[in-house]
Amino acid sequence: MTVPAQRVRRRPSGRVLPLLLVVAMLAPVAFLFAQHHRLTGDDRDLAVRERLGVEYLRALGPVTEALVDAQSAAVAGRPAGRDALDRAVRDAARVDVRIGDELRSHERWAGLRAKLEALPERPLTDPEAAFVAYGEVTDLLLALHRKVRESSGLVRDPRQDSFFLQDSIGLDLPTAMVAAGRLADLSALGAARPAAERPRTQGELAELRVGALASATDLVADLREAVDSSESTDLGANVLTPLDTYQRAVEALAAFSGPSAGSKTGLADPGQVAAARLNAQSAARQLQPVILDQLDALLKERIDSYDRDRRLAAGTAATAVLLVLVLVGVLIAAYRRARRHAAEARRAADGDTGTVPEPQRWAPPAAERGLRPEDHRLLQPAGSGRDGGSERWGPFDAAR
């Protein structure tokens, strides 16, 4: 009797190991995709928010220009035309209603708008009071510029070209415009002050002159840095021409606003300073939309690049998942083949080949045919008798 061989149980590690390898190969891909998606998502959200800041700064530009003009008219005793200022305020209010929640600018805009609406339409009898009143409003306007830059993330822009552009349009240019307006208005006020106040007037004019020229110089430097550090071929061609015009206008303002040796008061000619201020403001009006357009174009291009990177990463991750699924299918098919071969080997080891034996032909026993066992010897072939070929008569020969 044969003893069947004991079946050897396979270790489960032979099946688990390929799956572990598959998971180990898929896990880094999933981690890298999630990390890339999160980082690009944060960068993209920042760029989108920066574009909102650019839109808000675009709306504040006309408000700044109209406010500086209204201040000059009020200090000079002329009726302040409120049409341009009111129109600019309405446009900025619509922008604040639409995107003010994201930029958290509602509170500052509400305070600035209340001050703007409180400004008198008729010129004040005291030009000094008008200068102070408008100075408070322009301070609030510059504070709103800073708030928009901070809440939109423009001050944290990671690229050199766009950072210098936002610094020039959100800080340098509005500050230079306000300082130039104050410089021209104080020049007109200083000419009408008593002689005893001339030293104070000269000190105030010198301070405003330094502030206006410093902001204009920073603007020029920022724009040149943006052009030098940018990979865009359109930035330099679009910015440098209006920048040169603005720089020449600022240089003329610096020349006309300095102390005049030939003047009896020792102060600059108010008319020349006012004309130079108007030229500088006109040049700034031409430069402002160019800077905003270039900054917005850079941010839009960056957002598009983030979208392309995310689509590429998603395609790469999908390809990796597809390859892993193919590998899993191959492993499952190999596992099934191995199980089938193992089952066949076990059946062969147990003697069960799976084939049906051939049936034997049936023959009746000798007793049923009327023959005794010893009569089997009578059933011999013809010619095979004991006498060497003589035929032997059997019991049935007579019937022939």
Protein backbone atom coordinates (compact mmCIF):
# COMPACT_ATOMS: atom_id res chain seq x y z
CA MET A 1 0.00 0.00 0.00
CA THR A 2 1.35 3.39 -0.97
CA VAL A 3 1.10 6.31 1.39
CA PRO A 4 0.09 9.54 -0.36
CA ALA A 5 2.60 12.29 -0.07
CA GLN A 6 1.71 15.13 2.26
CA ARG A 7 0.79 18.37 0.55
CA VAL A 8 3.21 21.19 1.10
CA ARG A 9 1.38 24.39 2.04
CA ARG A 10 2.65 27.47 0.23
CA ARG A 11 3.75 30.42 2.22
CA PRO A 12 1.48 33.41 1.86
CA SER A 13 4.47 35.69 1.34
CA GLY A 14 4.80 34.45 -2.23
CA ARG A 15 1.42 35.98 -3.02
CA VAL A 16 1.59 39.10 -0.85
CA LEU A 17 5.05 40.23 -1.93
CA PRO A 18 4.09 41.22 -5.50
CA LEU A 19 1.12 43.19 -4.18
CA LEU A 20 3.36 44.93 -1.68
CA LEU A 21 5.73 45.82 -4.49
CA VAL A 22 2.85 47.24 -6.50
CA VAL A 23 1.69 49.35 -3.56
CA ALA A 24 5.26 50.45 -2.88
CA MET A 25 5.55 51.56 -6.49
CA LEU A 26 2.21 53.38 -6.53
CA ALA A 27 2.55 55.15 -3.18
CA PRO A 28 5.43 57.49 -4.19
CA VAL A 29 3.61 58.43 -7.38
CA ALA A 30 0.47 59.27 -5.42
CA PHE A 31 2.47 61.26 -2.88
CA LEU A 32 4.32 63.27 -5.52
CA PHE A 33 1.08 63.98 -7.39
CA ALA A 34 -0.68 65.17 -4.24
CA GLN A 35 2.30 67.31 -3.23
CA HIS A 36 2.58 68.84 -6.69
CA HIS A 37 -1.16 69.46 -6.88
CA ARG A 38 -1.17 71.19 -3.49
CA LEU A 39 1.84 73.39 -4.23
CA THR A 40 0.68 74.41 -7.67
CA GLY A 41 -2.79 74.96 -6.28
CA ASP A 42 -1.47 77.40 -3.67
CA ASP A 43 0.65 79.23 -6.24
CA ARG A 44 -2.24 79.40 -8.65
CA ASP A 45 -4.59 80.76 -5.99
CA LEU A 46 -2.03 83.45 -5.16
CA ALA A 47 -1.73 84.47 -8.81
CA VAL A 48 -5.52 84.62 -9.18
CA ARG A 49 -5.77 86.80 -6.09
CA GLU A 50 -2.99 89.03 -7.39
CA ARG A 51 -4.97 89.61 -10.56
CA LEU A 52 -7.84 90.81 -8.39
CA GLY A 53 -5.43 93.26 -6.78
CA VAL A 54 -4.37 94.50 -10.20
CA GLU A 55 -8.00 95.07 -11.10
CA TYR A 56 -8.58 97.04 -7.91
CA LEU A 57 -5.45 99.16 -8.45
CA ARG A 58 -6.65 99.89 -11.98
CA ALA A 59 -9.87 101.29 -10.52
CA LEU A 60 -7.98 103.41 -7.97
CA GLY A 61 -5.83 105.09 -10.62
CA PRO A 62 -8.55 107.46 -11.90
CA VAL A 63 -9.56 108.21 -8.31
CA THR A 64 -6.00 109.27 -7.49
CA GLU A 65 -5.69 111.51 -10.54
CA ALA A 66 -9.10 113.13 -10.05
CA LEU A 67 -8.45 113.72 -6.35
CA VAL A 68 -5.09 115.41 -7.00
CA ASP A 69 -6.72 117.68 -9.59
CA ALA A 70 -9.56 118.53 -7.20
CA GLN A 71 -7.05 119.38 -4.49
CA SER A 72 -5.14 121.75 -6.79
CA ALA A 73 -8.40 123.46 -7.79
CA ALA A 74 -9.50 123.84 -4.16
CA VAL A 75 -6.14 125.28 -3.05
CA ALA A 76 -6.11 127.70 -5.98
CA GLY A 77 -9.65 128.85 -5.13
CA ARG A 78 -11.18 127.52 -8.31
CA PRO A 79 -14.44 125.56 -8.38
CA ALA A 80 -13.55 121.89 -8.12
CA GLY A 81 -15.06 119.93 -10.96
CA ARG A 82 -16.54 116.88 -9.26
CA ASP A 83 -17.69 115.06 -12.40
CA ALA A 84 -14.42 113.21 -13.00
CA LEU A 85 -14.01 112.45 -9.30
CA ASP A 86 -17.59 111.22 -8.86
CA ARG A 87 -17.33 109.02 -11.95
CA ALA A 88 -14.07 107.51 -10.73
CA VAL A 89 -15.57 106.91 -7.28
CA ARG A 90 -18.60 105.12 -8.77
CA ASP A 91 -16.40 102.86 -10.88
CA ALA A 92 -14.19 102.01 -7.92
CA ALA A 93 -17.25 101.33 -5.77
CA ARG A 94 -18.49 98.75 -8.28
CA VAL A 95 -15.14 97.01 -8.21
CA ASP A 96 -15.13 97.03 -4.40
CA VAL A 97 -18.60 95.50 -4.28
CA ARG A 98 -17.53 92.70 -6.60
CA ILE A 99 -14.11 91.73 -5.20
CA GLY A 100 -13.88 93.62 -1.92
CA ASP A 101 -14.76 90.54 0.12
CA GLU A 102 -11.75 88.62 -1.14
CA LEU A 103 -9.41 91.57 -0.72
CA ARG A 104 -10.92 92.63 2.62
CA SER A 105 -11.08 96.24 1.45
CA HIS A 106 -14.68 97.15 2.29
CA GLU A 107 -13.89 98.92 5.53
CA ARG A 108 -11.10 101.09 4.15
CA TRP A 109 -13.02 101.89 1.01
CA ALA A 110 -16.08 102.88 3.04
CA GLY A 111 -13.99 105.29 5.13
CA LEU A 112 -12.33 106.77 2.05
CA ARG A 113 -15.63 107.16 0.21
CA ALA A 114 -17.19 108.92 3.18
CA LYS A 115 -14.30 111.40 3.20
CA LEU A 116 -14.55 111.91 -0.55
CA GLU A 117 -18.26 112.63 -0.40
CA ALA A 118 -17.72 115.03 2.50
CA LEU A 119 -15.39 117.22 0.45
CA PRO A 120 -17.08 120.52 -0.41
CA GLU A 121 -18.04 121.17 -4.00
CA ARG A 122 -17.41 124.88 -3.62
CA PRO A 123 -13.92 126.17 -2.91
CA LEU A 124 -13.16 126.88 0.72
CA THR A 125 -12.43 130.40 1.83
CA ASP A 126 -9.25 129.21 3.51
CA PRO A 127 -6.85 127.52 1.05
CA GLU A 128 -4.77 126.19 3.95
CA ALA A 129 -7.82 124.34 5.30
CA ALA A 130 -8.50 122.91 1.86
CA PHE A 131 -4.90 121.71 1.62
CA VAL A 132 -5.20 119.95 4.99
CA ALA A 133 -8.62 118.43 4.20
CA TYR A 134 -7.51 117.02 0.88
CA GLY A 135 -4.26 115.84 2.44
CA GLU A 136 -6.20 113.63 4.86
CA VAL A 137 -8.18 112.10 2.01
CA THR A 138 -5.07 111.39 -0.08
CA ASP A 139 -3.49 109.71 2.93
CA LEU A 140 -6.50 107.39 3.15
CA LEU A 141 -6.21 106.71 -0.58
CA LEU A 142 -2.55 105.72 -0.28
CA ALA A 143 -3.43 103.51 2.69
CA LEU A 144 -6.03 101.76 0.53
CA HIS A 145 -3.36 101.13 -2.10
CA ARG A 146 -1.20 99.45 0.54
CA LYS A 147 -4.14 97.40 1.81
CA VAL A 148 -4.94 96.10 -1.67
CA ARG A 149 -1.33 95.11 -2.27
CA GLU A 150 -1.13 93.26 1.03
CA SER A 151 -4.49 91.47 0.91
CA SER A 152 -4.09 90.43 -2.72
CA GLY A 153 -0.60 89.05 -2.15
CA LEU A 154 1.10 91.38 -4.63
CA VAL A 155 3.71 92.29 -2.01
CA ARG A 156 4.60 88.57 -1.78
CA ASP A 157 4.93 87.95 -5.50
CA PRO A 158 7.68 85.33 -6.06
CA ARG A 159 8.87 86.54 -9.49
CA GLN A 160 11.25 89.46 -9.86
CA ASP A 161 9.66 91.09 -12.89
CA SER A 162 6.11 91.01 -11.54
CA PHE A 163 7.27 92.03 -8.06
CA PHE A 164 8.96 95.19 -9.33
CA LEU A 165 5.95 95.96 -11.52
CA GLN A 166 3.51 95.72 -8.61
CA ASP A 167 5.78 97.80 -6.40
CA SER A 168 5.94 100.53 -9.02
CA ILE A 169 2.20 100.65 -9.72
CA GLY A 170 0.91 100.04 -6.20
CA LEU A 171 3.38 102.16 -4.21
CA ASP A 172 5.74 104.35 -6.22
CA LEU A 173 3.41 105.84 -8.83
CA PRO A 174 0.46 106.86 -6.59
CA THR A 175 2.85 108.21 -3.97
CA ALA A 176 4.74 110.20 -6.58
CA MET A 177 1.50 111.63 -8.02
CA VAL A 178 0.19 112.68 -4.61
CA ALA A 179 3.56 114.15 -3.58
CA ALA A 180 3.88 116.09 -6.85
CA GLY A 181 0.39 117.52 -6.36
CA ARG A 182 1.15 118.55 -2.81
CA LEU A 183 4.45 120.08 -3.91
CA ALA A 184 2.72 122.24 -6.54
CA ASP A 185 -0.08 123.24 -4.16
CA LEU A 186 2.29 124.12 -1.33
CA SER A 187 4.35 126.20 -3.74
CA ALA A 188 1.21 128.23 -4.46
CA LEU A 189 0.40 128.51 -0.75
CA GLY A 190 3.96 129.48 0.19
CA ALA A 191 3.96 132.42 -2.17
CA ALA A 192 0.96 133.87 -0.32
CA ARG A 193 2.28 133.30 3.20
CA PRO A 194 3.83 136.03 5.27
CA ALA A 195 7.57 136.49 5.17
CA ALA A 196 7.86 135.26 8.76
CA GLU A 197 6.65 131.84 7.69
CA ARG A 198 9.07 131.45 4.80
CA PRO A 199 11.61 129.31 6.69
CA ARG A 200 8.82 126.89 7.64
CA THR A 201 7.53 126.97 4.09
CA GLN A 202 10.97 126.25 2.65
CA GLY A 203 11.37 123.27 4.99
CA GLU A 204 7.97 121.86 4.04
CA LEU A 205 8.69 122.35 0.34
CA ALA A 206 12.06 120.66 0.65
CA GLU A 207 10.46 117.69 2.38
CA LEU A 208 7.74 117.35 -0.26
CA ARG A 209 10.27 117.80 -3.04
CA VAL A 210 12.48 115.03 -1.67
CA GLY A 211 9.46 112.73 -1.24
CA ALA A 212 8.14 113.35 -4.73
CA LEU A 213 11.53 112.88 -6.39
CA ALA A 214 12.34 109.80 -4.27
CA SER A 215 9.07 108.09 -5.25
CA ALA A 216 9.61 108.96 -8.92
CA THR A 217 13.20 107.69 -8.76
CA ASP A 218 12.04 104.45 -7.13
CA LEU A 219 9.45 104.06 -9.86
CA VAL A 220 12.05 104.39 -12.60
CA ALA A 221 14.42 102.00 -10.83
CA ASP A 222 11.69 99.38 -10.26
CA LEU A 223 10.61 99.43 -13.88
CA ARG A 224 14.13 99.08 -15.16
CA GLU A 225 14.72 96.17 -12.77
CA ALA A 226 11.51 94.55 -14.02
CA VAL A 227 12.62 94.90 -17.63
CA ASP A 228 16.11 93.54 -16.93
CA SER A 229 14.88 90.52 -14.94
CA SER A 230 11.96 89.57 -17.18
CA GLU A 231 12.01 86.87 -19.83
CA SER A 232 9.19 88.58 -21.69
CA THR A 233 10.22 90.35 -24.86
CA ASP A 234 7.16 92.63 -24.79
CA LEU A 235 7.81 94.16 -21.38
CA GLY A 236 10.78 96.31 -22.34
CA ALA A 237 9.32 97.42 -25.66
CA ASN A 238 6.05 98.50 -24.05
CA VAL A 239 7.36 100.06 -20.83
CA LEU A 240 10.57 101.86 -21.70
CA THR A 241 9.11 104.51 -24.04
CA PRO A 242 6.47 105.91 -21.62
CA LEU A 243 8.99 105.50 -18.80
CA ASP A 244 11.46 107.78 -20.56
CA THR A 245 8.71 110.37 -21.03
CA TYR A 246 7.82 110.19 -17.34
CA GLN A 247 11.46 110.43 -16.29
CA ARG A 248 11.98 113.61 -18.33
CA ALA A 249 8.83 115.11 -16.83
CA VAL A 250 10.02 114.33 -13.30
CA GLU A 251 13.41 115.85 -14.00
CA ALA A 252 11.68 119.04 -15.16
CA LEU A 253 9.58 119.06 -11.99
CA ALA A 254 12.73 118.71 -9.90
CA ALA A 255 14.37 121.59 -11.74
CA PHE A 256 11.41 123.98 -11.46
CA SER A 257 10.53 123.11 -7.84
CA GLY A 258 13.95 123.92 -6.41
CA PRO A 259 14.68 127.16 -4.55
CA SER A 260 15.06 130.06 -6.95
CA ALA A 261 17.99 132.38 -6.26
CA GLY A 262 16.54 135.18 -8.35
CA SER A 263 13.16 135.16 -6.58
CA LYS A 264 12.41 137.72 -3.90
CA THR A 265 10.87 135.08 -1.66
CA GLY A 266 13.54 132.48 -2.32
CA LEU A 267 10.81 130.06 -3.40
CA ALA A 268 10.15 128.42 -6.72
CA ASP A 269 7.79 129.94 -9.25
CA PRO A 270 4.34 128.43 -8.50
CA GLY A 271 3.27 128.64 -12.13
CA GLN A 272 6.26 126.70 -13.39
CA VAL A 273 5.89 124.10 -10.66
CA ALA A 274 2.18 123.67 -11.49
CA ALA A 275 2.94 123.24 -15.20
CA ALA A 276 5.70 120.73 -14.46
CA ARG A 277 3.32 118.84 -12.18
CA LEU A 278 0.71 118.64 -14.93
CA ASN A 279 3.30 117.28 -17.37
CA ALA A 280 4.44 114.67 -14.85
CA GLN A 281 0.83 113.67 -14.16
CA SER A 282 0.12 113.37 -17.89
CA ALA A 283 3.16 111.13 -18.33
CA ALA A 284 2.03 109.04 -15.33
CA ARG A 285 -1.43 108.70 -16.90
CA GLN A 286 0.17 107.16 -19.98
CA LEU A 287 2.48 104.94 -17.97
CA GLN A 288 -0.07 103.57 -15.54
CA PRO A 289 -2.17 101.35 -17.89
CA VAL A 290 1.00 100.02 -19.52
CA ILE A 291 2.32 98.79 -16.17
CA LEU A 292 -1.04 97.30 -15.21
CA ASP A 293 -1.43 95.52 -18.53
CA GLN A 294 2.07 94.04 -18.39
CA LEU A 295 1.62 92.91 -14.80
CA ASP A 296 -1.74 91.31 -15.57
CA ALA A 297 -0.29 89.57 -18.64
CA LEU A 298 2.55 88.07 -16.57
CA LEU A 299 0.12 86.81 -13.94
CA LYS A 300 -2.21 85.32 -16.55
CA GLU A 301 0.70 83.55 -18.23
CA ARG A 302 1.76 82.16 -14.87
CA ILE A 303 -1.74 80.82 -14.18
CA ASP A 304 -1.76 79.13 -17.59
CA SER A 305 1.59 77.50 -16.85
CA TYR A 306 0.26 76.18 -13.54
CA ASP A 307 -2.75 74.73 -15.33
CA ARG A 308 -0.50 73.02 -17.88
CA ASP A 309 1.69 71.58 -15.13
CA ARG A 310 -1.33 70.25 -13.28
CA ARG A 311 -2.71 68.63 -16.42
CA LEU A 312 0.69 67.08 -17.12
CA ALA A 313 0.95 65.77 -13.57
CA ALA A 314 -2.57 64.35 -13.76
CA GLY A 315 -1.73 62.61 -17.03
CA THR A 316 1.46 61.18 -15.58
CA ALA A 317 -0.36 59.91 -12.49
CA ALA A 318 -3.10 58.36 -14.64
CA THR A 319 -0.48 56.60 -16.77
CA ALA A 320 1.23 55.27 -13.64
CA VAL A 321 -2.09 53.98 -12.29
CA LEU A 322 -2.86 52.32 -15.63
CA LEU A 323 0.51 50.59 -15.66
CA VAL A 324 0.00 49.40 -12.11
CA LEU A 325 -3.43 48.03 -13.01
CA VAL A 326 -1.87 46.17 -15.95
CA LEU A 327 0.78 44.77 -13.63
CA VAL A 328 -1.88 43.69 -11.14
CA GLY A 329 -3.75 41.95 -13.95
CA VAL A 330 -0.59 40.13 -14.99
CA LEU A 331 0.05 39.03 -11.41
CA ILE A 332 -3.51 37.79 -10.99
CA ALA A 333 -3.31 35.81 -14.24
CA ALA A 334 0.02 34.30 -13.18
CA TYR A 335 -1.43 33.41 -9.79
CA ARG A 336 -4.38 31.64 -11.39
CA ARG A 337 -2.10 29.67 -13.73
CA ALA A 338 0.06 28.65 -10.80
CA ARG A 339 -2.99 27.42 -8.89
CA ARG A 340 -4.19 25.40 -11.88
CA HIS A 341 -0.78 23.77 -12.37
CA ALA A 342 -0.55 22.99 -8.67
CA ALA A 343 -3.97 21.29 -8.74
CA GLU A 344 -2.95 19.12 -11.71
CA ALA A 345 0.28 18.17 -9.98
CA ARG A 346 -1.62 17.10 -6.86
CA ARG A 347 -4.00 14.92 -8.87
CA ALA A 348 -1.05 13.26 -10.64
CA ALA A 349 0.64 12.60 -7.29
CA ASP A 350 -2.54 10.97 -5.94
CA GLY A 351 -2.74 8.50 -8.96
CA ASP A 352 -5.74 10.11 -10.47
CA THR A 353 -4.78 10.93 -13.98
CA GLY A 354 -8.30 11.81 -14.89
CA THR A 355 -8.56 9.07 -17.72
CA VAL A 356 -11.35 6.39 -17.85
CA PRO A 357 -10.04 2.75 -18.08
CA GLU A 358 -11.04 0.72 -21.20
CA PRO A 359 -13.93 -1.76 -20.40
CA GLN A 360 -13.17 -5.52 -20.71
CA ARG A 361 -15.17 -7.71 -23.08
CA TRP A 362 -17.70 -9.99 -21.34
CA ALA A 363 -17.62 -13.79 -21.81
CA PRO A 364 -19.99 -16.37 -20.14
CA PRO A 365 -18.45 -18.80 -17.69
CA ALA A 366 -17.77 -22.36 -18.77
CA ALA A 367 -20.40 -23.97 -16.47
CA GLU A 368 -23.17 -21.98 -18.12
CA ARG A 369 -22.17 -23.28 -21.55
CA GLY A 370 -22.60 -26.96 -20.46
CA LEU A 371 -18.88 -27.69 -20.27
CA ARG A 372 -16.90 -29.01 -17.47
CA PRO A 373 -13.67 -27.45 -16.64
CA GLU A 374 -11.73 -30.40 -17.90
CA ASP A 375 -13.48 -30.13 -21.25
CA HIS A 376 -11.52 -27.06 -22.03
CA ARG A 377 -8.89 -29.31 -23.41
CA LEU A 378 -11.36 -30.58 -26.05
CA LEU A 379 -11.62 -27.11 -27.47
CA GLN A 380 -8.46 -27.33 -29.43
CA PRO A 381 -7.86 -25.94 -32.85
CA ALA A 382 -8.23 -28.26 -35.77
CA GLY A 383 -5.19 -30.37 -36.46
CA SER A 384 -3.83 -30.10 -32.98
CA GLY A 385 -4.81 -33.60 -31.64
CA ARG A 386 -2.57 -35.83 -29.64
CA ASP A 387 -2.16 -38.43 -32.42
CA GLY A 388 -0.33 -36.02 -34.60
CA GLY A 389 -3.03 -34.89 -36.91
CA SER A 390 -5.68 -37.68 -36.76
CA GLU A 391 -9.09 -36.16 -36.31
CA ARG A 392 -10.99 -36.98 -33.15
CA TRP A 393 -14.77 -37.34 -33.38
CA GLY A 394 -16.65 -35.23 -30.93
CA PRO A 395 -20.09 -35.75 -29.54
CA PHE A 396 -21.71 -33.43 -32.11
CA ASP A 397 -20.09 -34.86 -35.26
CA ALA A 398 -23.01 -37.15 -36.02
CA ALA A 399 -25.21 -34.18 -36.51
CA ARG A 400 -23.21 -32.92 -39.44
